[in-house]
């Protein structure tokens, strides 16, 4: 197992290098420069000042030199300084915003797993029944509805009309005056609506995957043999069918790891949550190259780790692959 994992990690290095190279080139091919936000709207800025700003940001060098300089810093875990007015280190800004994004998305993923897997299992066992039809219609409506539209509807109904939940921010204005229990309740109230919106789309896809896998598994001959031996139907489904149906779901979960950043951009922007999604959006709008590249590198690493975890989990769950992958 360790040998297999080590080989996969070694293969991740050139892949990550290629991702960073393509991302760096694409970012610099976009029209405009970070200095444009300062100089374009100010007619008093001279050409000499513009060139000084380009030299300050290192934009006067060729794209190959810029990438080499950036890469030599990243190897030392130095993502540079943000082009924003605060000029703070990129890694500090990422670590500052990371807890909010992790809490929101890890909780969302856990809720999706807890709810969608049993629903997919029941829908497959009772295929064509009322429960199956009802969940199929409801989940596909939730999957088809745009998340930003649902977020705005929830803000208007639960936040404005009913005044049950706050519609923006992570804490209330009097957060510092609250006790420990009050602070926890305040955080939960602010995260509840974004959490619900971020989980709706995941219910449909994962439950449908689970249902389709179970429908295929329960028709297999080995389950017919298990029933013929007199095993209870619950034992046949839980002990024999469910583990095999979960194998493709493991792959999907591994590929869901990168969405911890990318999937939260819309929700964090709408609800003004200080997370990585909002930070990445502001960096793109401000052409903050170091901040954009730092976020993309984190996303690329999560993607590669997700693929690695999916492969390890797939091989561990499938005895046919376990002997060849882990020997």
Protein backbone atom coordinates (compact mmCIF):
# COMPACT_ATOMS: atom_id res chain seq x y z
CA UNK A 1 0.00 0.00 0.00
CA UNK A 2 2.78 2.43 0.88
CA UNK A 3 4.60 1.64 -2.35
CA UNK A 4 1.46 2.26 -4.41
CA UNK A 5 0.75 5.52 -2.58
CA UNK A 6 4.33 6.71 -3.04
CA UNK A 7 4.17 6.05 -6.78
CA UNK A 8 0.95 8.01 -7.09
CA UNK A 9 2.42 10.94 -5.16
CA UNK A 10 5.44 11.01 -7.48
CA UNK A 11 3.10 11.09 -10.47
CA UNK A 12 1.29 14.08 -8.95
CA UNK A 13 4.38 16.33 -9.15
CA UNK A 14 4.58 16.73 -12.98
CA UNK A 15 0.80 17.01 -13.15
CA UNK A 16 0.81 19.85 -10.63
CA UNK A 17 3.64 21.56 -12.53
CA UNK A 18 1.66 21.40 -15.77
CA UNK A 19 -1.47 22.77 -14.08
CA UNK A 20 0.41 25.74 -12.65
CA UNK A 21 2.09 26.48 -15.99
CA UNK A 22 -1.19 26.46 -17.94
CA UNK A 23 -2.98 28.51 -15.26
CA UNK A 24 -0.17 31.09 -15.16
CA UNK A 25 -0.19 31.53 -18.94
CA UNK A 26 -3.99 31.75 -19.18
CA UNK A 27 -4.16 34.37 -16.42
CA UNK A 28 -1.60 36.56 -18.16
CA UNK A 29 -3.35 36.17 -21.53
CA UNK A 30 -6.45 37.86 -20.15
CA UNK A 31 -6.74 41.54 -21.17
CA UNK A 32 -5.64 44.14 -18.69
CA UNK A 33 -3.09 44.22 -15.87
CA UNK A 34 -3.29 44.69 -12.09
CA UNK A 35 -1.92 48.21 -12.48
CA UNK A 36 -4.95 49.14 -14.56
CA UNK A 37 -7.14 49.42 -11.48
CA UNK A 38 -4.86 52.23 -10.26
CA UNK A 39 -3.84 53.99 -13.46
CA UNK A 40 -6.66 53.60 -16.01
CA UNK A 41 -9.15 55.80 -14.17
CA UNK A 42 -6.62 58.44 -13.13
CA UNK A 43 -5.70 60.85 -15.96
CA UNK A 44 -2.92 62.38 -13.85
CA UNK A 45 -0.84 59.18 -13.83
CA UNK A 46 2.15 59.54 -16.16
CA UNK A 47 3.70 56.85 -18.33
CA UNK A 48 6.74 56.84 -16.06
CA UNK A 49 4.55 56.07 -13.07
CA UNK A 50 2.84 53.24 -14.94
CA UNK A 51 6.20 51.71 -15.80
CA UNK A 52 7.34 51.99 -12.19
CA UNK A 53 4.23 50.16 -11.07
CA UNK A 54 4.80 47.43 -13.65
CA UNK A 55 8.40 47.10 -12.41
CA UNK A 56 7.18 46.96 -8.79
CA UNK A 57 4.83 44.08 -9.61
CA UNK A 58 7.40 42.36 -11.84
CA UNK A 59 5.20 42.75 -14.93
CA UNK A 60 8.02 44.27 -16.98
CA UNK A 61 9.66 40.83 -17.33
CA UNK A 62 8.70 38.18 -19.86
CA UNK A 63 6.06 35.66 -18.90
CA UNK A 64 8.71 32.94 -18.70
CA UNK A 65 10.77 34.93 -16.23
CA UNK A 66 7.68 35.73 -14.19
CA UNK A 67 6.70 32.07 -14.02
CA UNK A 68 10.23 30.98 -13.09
CA UNK A 69 10.43 33.58 -10.31
CA UNK A 70 7.00 32.58 -9.04
CA UNK A 71 7.85 28.86 -9.15
CA UNK A 72 11.12 29.26 -7.25
CA UNK A 73 9.18 31.00 -4.46
CA UNK A 74 6.37 28.42 -4.39
CA UNK A 75 8.91 25.62 -3.94
CA UNK A 76 9.81 27.37 -0.67
CA UNK A 77 6.07 27.66 0.15
CA UNK A 78 6.20 31.39 -0.56
CA UNK A 79 3.23 32.43 -2.70
CA UNK A 80 4.35 36.04 -2.76
CA UNK A 81 2.46 39.15 -1.69
CA UNK A 82 -0.99 40.13 -2.84
CA UNK A 83 -1.33 42.95 -5.37
CA UNK A 84 -4.18 44.37 -3.29
CA UNK A 85 -3.73 47.56 -1.33
CA UNK A 86 -2.86 45.68 1.88
CA UNK A 87 0.15 43.91 0.17
CA UNK A 88 -0.18 41.03 2.63
CA UNK A 89 1.39 37.62 2.02
CA UNK A 90 -0.89 35.39 -0.02
CA UNK A 91 -0.45 32.40 2.28
CA UNK A 92 -1.55 34.48 5.30
CA UNK A 93 -4.75 35.57 3.56
CA UNK A 94 -5.50 31.98 2.51
CA UNK A 95 -5.00 30.59 6.02
CA UNK A 96 -7.17 33.37 7.40
CA UNK A 97 -10.11 32.49 5.14
CA UNK A 98 -9.66 28.72 5.08
CA UNK A 99 -11.59 27.78 8.29
CA UNK A 100 -14.88 29.29 7.07
CA UNK A 101 -14.73 27.45 3.75
CA UNK A 102 -13.75 24.15 5.37
CA UNK A 103 -16.51 24.33 7.99
CA UNK A 104 -19.16 25.20 5.41
CA UNK A 105 -18.17 22.61 2.79
CA UNK A 106 -17.17 19.73 5.06
CA UNK A 107 -20.47 20.06 6.92
CA UNK A 108 -22.30 20.24 3.59
CA UNK A 109 -20.56 17.11 2.30
CA UNK A 110 -21.29 15.22 5.51
CA UNK A 111 -25.00 16.11 5.37
CA UNK A 112 -25.17 15.08 1.71
CA UNK A 113 -23.64 11.68 2.52
CA UNK A 114 -25.86 11.04 5.55
CA UNK A 115 -29.06 11.83 3.64
CA UNK A 116 -28.45 10.90 -0.01
CA UNK A 117 -27.01 7.38 0.48
CA UNK A 118 -30.00 6.04 2.49
CA UNK A 119 -32.43 7.77 0.11
CA UNK A 120 -30.70 6.27 -2.93
CA UNK A 121 -30.72 2.87 -1.26
CA UNK A 122 -34.43 2.99 -0.41
CA UNK A 123 -35.32 4.33 -3.87
CA UNK A 124 -33.52 1.41 -5.52
CA UNK A 125 -35.07 -1.22 -3.26
CA UNK A 126 -38.53 0.28 -3.83
CA UNK A 127 -37.98 1.33 -7.43
CA UNK A 128 -41.11 2.65 -9.09
CA UNK A 129 -42.88 3.24 -5.81
CA UNK A 130 -44.26 6.48 -4.42
CA UNK A 131 -41.11 7.27 -2.43
CA UNK A 132 -38.90 6.74 -5.47
CA UNK A 133 -41.03 8.94 -7.71
CA UNK A 134 -41.41 11.68 -5.11
CA UNK A 135 -37.69 11.91 -4.29
CA UNK A 136 -36.77 11.80 -7.97
CA UNK A 137 -39.00 14.79 -8.76
CA UNK A 138 -37.95 16.81 -5.71
CA UNK A 139 -34.23 16.19 -6.12
CA UNK A 140 -34.18 16.96 -9.81
CA UNK A 141 -36.02 20.22 -9.17
CA UNK A 142 -33.38 21.10 -6.57
CA UNK A 143 -30.58 20.07 -8.92
CA UNK A 144 -31.97 22.07 -11.86
CA UNK A 145 -32.65 25.24 -9.87
CA UNK A 146 -29.64 27.63 -9.92
CA UNK A 147 -28.01 27.94 -6.52
CA UNK A 148 -27.82 31.75 -6.69
CA UNK A 149 -31.58 31.90 -7.39
CA UNK A 150 -32.37 29.62 -4.46
CA UNK A 151 -30.05 31.68 -2.27
CA UNK A 152 -31.85 34.90 -3.15
CA UNK A 153 -35.26 33.30 -2.54
CA UNK A 154 -34.10 32.00 0.84
CA UNK A 155 -32.71 35.42 1.78
CA UNK A 156 -36.00 37.11 0.93
CA UNK A 157 -38.28 34.56 2.59
CA UNK A 158 -36.36 33.45 5.70
CA UNK A 159 -34.31 36.61 6.19
CA UNK A 160 -36.54 39.52 5.15
CA UNK A 161 -40.15 38.37 5.36
CA UNK A 162 -39.94 35.96 8.31
CA UNK A 163 -36.82 37.51 9.86
CA UNK A 164 -35.69 34.10 11.12
CA UNK A 165 -32.11 34.02 9.89
CA UNK A 166 -29.44 36.65 9.08
CA UNK A 167 -28.88 37.22 5.38
CA UNK A 168 -25.19 38.13 5.27
CA UNK A 169 -21.93 37.97 7.16
CA UNK A 170 -20.52 35.42 9.55
CA UNK A 171 -21.36 37.09 12.86
CA UNK A 172 -23.69 39.73 14.23
CA UNK A 173 -22.63 43.22 15.25
CA UNK A 174 -22.89 42.33 18.96
CA UNK A 175 -20.94 39.09 18.57
CA UNK A 176 -18.14 40.18 20.92
CA UNK A 177 -20.66 40.91 23.68
CA UNK A 178 -22.21 37.42 23.59
CA UNK A 179 -21.27 34.52 25.82
CA UNK A 180 -19.72 31.29 24.58
CA UNK A 181 -23.07 29.64 23.95
CA UNK A 182 -24.44 32.78 22.34
CA UNK A 183 -21.47 32.99 19.96
CA UNK A 184 -21.97 29.39 18.85
CA UNK A 185 -25.68 29.97 18.24
CA UNK A 186 -24.91 33.16 16.33
CA UNK A 187 -22.42 31.37 14.06
CA UNK A 188 -24.86 28.52 13.43
CA UNK A 189 -27.65 30.96 12.51
CA UNK A 190 -25.39 32.73 10.02
CA UNK A 191 -24.16 29.48 8.44
CA UNK A 192 -27.50 27.65 8.37
CA UNK A 193 -28.92 29.24 5.23
CA UNK A 194 -25.68 28.99 3.17
CA UNK A 195 -25.32 25.39 4.34
CA UNK A 196 -28.81 24.45 3.15
CA UNK A 197 -28.27 26.09 -0.26
CA UNK A 198 -24.89 24.42 -0.79
CA UNK A 199 -26.31 20.94 -0.03
CA UNK A 200 -29.40 20.99 -2.26
CA UNK A 201 -27.58 20.29 -5.52
CA UNK A 202 -25.49 17.51 -4.02
CA UNK A 203 -28.53 15.55 -2.83
CA UNK A 204 -29.79 14.96 -6.37
CA UNK A 205 -26.56 13.82 -7.99
CA UNK A 206 -25.28 11.53 -5.23
CA UNK A 207 -28.68 9.94 -4.47
CA UNK A 208 -29.24 9.23 -8.17
CA UNK A 209 -25.78 7.68 -8.47
CA UNK A 210 -26.53 5.54 -5.45
CA UNK A 211 -29.91 4.50 -6.83
CA UNK A 212 -28.55 3.53 -10.24
CA UNK A 213 -25.69 1.55 -8.69
CA UNK A 214 -28.03 -0.31 -6.36
CA UNK A 215 -30.46 -1.11 -9.19
CA UNK A 216 -27.60 -2.73 -11.08
CA UNK A 217 -26.23 -4.59 -8.06
CA UNK A 218 -29.51 -6.05 -6.76
CA UNK A 219 -30.02 -7.84 -10.09
CA UNK A 220 -26.72 -9.71 -9.81
CA UNK A 221 -26.69 -13.50 -9.53
CA UNK A 222 -24.75 -13.60 -6.28
CA UNK A 223 -27.58 -11.74 -4.52
CA UNK A 224 -30.07 -14.26 -5.89
CA UNK A 225 -27.83 -16.99 -4.48
CA UNK A 226 -27.74 -15.24 -1.10
CA UNK A 227 -31.53 -15.07 -1.02
CA UNK A 228 -31.75 -18.72 -2.04
CA UNK A 229 -29.60 -19.64 0.98
CA UNK A 230 -32.27 -18.13 3.20
CA UNK A 231 -30.54 -14.89 4.21
CA UNK A 232 -32.89 -12.10 5.32
CA UNK A 233 -33.48 -9.39 2.74
CA UNK A 234 -32.00 -6.74 5.05
CA UNK A 235 -28.77 -8.75 5.32
CA UNK A 236 -28.62 -9.25 1.57
CA UNK A 237 -29.00 -5.52 0.90
CA UNK A 238 -26.79 -4.12 3.68
CA UNK A 239 -23.96 -6.66 3.82
CA UNK A 240 -23.73 -7.78 0.21
CA UNK A 241 -25.27 -5.15 -2.08
CA UNK A 242 -24.42 -1.90 -0.31
CA UNK A 243 -20.58 -2.27 -0.20
CA UNK A 244 -20.44 -2.95 -3.93
CA UNK A 245 -22.80 -0.09 -4.72
CA UNK A 246 -20.61 2.31 -2.75
CA UNK A 247 -17.52 1.70 -4.92
CA UNK A 248 -18.45 4.23 -7.67
CA UNK A 249 -19.66 6.65 -4.99
CA UNK A 250 -16.15 6.63 -3.47
CA UNK A 251 -14.78 7.91 -6.78
CA UNK A 252 -17.37 10.68 -6.88
CA UNK A 253 -16.49 11.72 -3.32
CA UNK A 254 -12.83 11.91 -4.22
CA UNK A 255 -13.61 14.18 -7.14
CA UNK A 256 -15.77 16.33 -4.83
CA UNK A 257 -12.75 17.42 -2.76
CA UNK A 258 -11.80 20.30 -5.13
CA UNK A 259 -15.29 21.76 -4.77
CA UNK A 260 -14.39 22.73 -1.22
CA UNK A 261 -13.06 25.92 -2.81
CA UNK A 262 -14.68 26.24 -6.21
CA UNK A 263 -18.16 25.26 -5.12
CA UNK A 264 -18.32 27.90 -2.41
CA UNK A 265 -17.65 30.95 -4.59
CA UNK A 266 -21.32 31.66 -5.35
CA UNK A 267 -22.62 30.96 -1.85
CA UNK A 268 -19.88 32.92 -0.11
CA UNK A 269 -20.26 35.87 -2.47
CA UNK A 270 -24.04 36.07 -2.06
CA UNK A 271 -24.01 35.71 1.73
CA UNK A 272 -20.83 37.81 2.18
CA UNK A 273 -19.00 35.04 4.02
CA UNK A 274 -15.26 35.69 4.53
CA UNK A 275 -14.03 32.44 2.96
CA UNK A 276 -11.74 31.30 0.17
CA UNK A 277 -14.51 31.47 -2.41
CA UNK A 278 -15.11 35.16 -1.85
CA UNK A 279 -11.35 35.78 -1.63
CA UNK A 280 -10.80 34.09 -5.01
CA UNK A 281 -13.65 36.07 -6.59
CA UNK A 282 -12.24 39.38 -5.35
CA UNK A 283 -8.77 38.40 -6.59
CA UNK A 284 -10.11 37.67 -10.07
CA UNK A 285 -12.01 40.95 -10.21
CA UNK A 286 -8.91 42.85 -9.07
CA UNK A 287 -6.49 40.93 -11.32
CA UNK A 288 -4.52 39.95 -8.24
CA UNK A 289 -2.19 37.45 -9.95
CA UNK A 290 -0.41 36.07 -6.84
CA UNK A 291 -3.72 35.62 -5.03
CA UNK A 292 -5.32 33.91 -8.04
CA UNK A 293 -2.37 31.57 -8.48
CA UNK A 294 -2.30 30.75 -4.77
CA UNK A 295 -5.98 29.81 -4.84
CA UNK A 296 -5.53 27.77 -8.02
CA UNK A 297 -2.58 25.88 -6.55
CA UNK A 298 -4.64 25.01 -3.48
CA UNK A 299 -7.46 23.85 -5.76
CA UNK A 300 -5.07 21.79 -7.90
CA UNK A 301 -3.56 20.11 -4.84
CA UNK A 302 -7.05 19.29 -3.54
CA UNK A 303 -7.96 17.85 -6.94
CA UNK A 304 -4.90 15.60 -7.03
CA UNK A 305 -5.37 14.53 -3.42
CA UNK A 306 -9.01 13.80 -4.16
CA UNK A 307 -8.04 11.58 -7.07
CA UNK A 308 -5.47 9.81 -4.88
CA UNK A 309 -7.98 9.22 -2.09
CA UNK A 310 -10.55 8.00 -4.61
CA UNK A 311 -8.10 5.50 -6.09
CA UNK A 312 -7.03 4.26 -2.66
CA UNK A 313 -10.62 3.95 -1.49
CA UNK A 314 -11.67 2.26 -4.72
CA UNK A 315 -8.86 -0.28 -4.48
CA UNK A 316 -9.54 -0.88 -0.79
CA UNK A 317 -13.26 -1.45 -1.33
CA UNK A 318 -12.86 -3.70 -4.37
CA UNK A 319 -11.02 -6.97 -3.56
CA UNK A 320 -10.27 -7.44 -7.26
CA UNK A 321 -8.13 -4.30 -7.27
CA UNK A 322 -6.78 -4.56 -3.75
CA UNK A 323 -4.39 -7.43 -4.44
CA UNK A 324 -2.88 -5.79 -7.55
CA UNK A 325 -2.68 -2.21 -6.26
CA UNK A 326 -1.45 -2.83 -2.73
CA UNK A 327 1.04 -5.61 -3.22
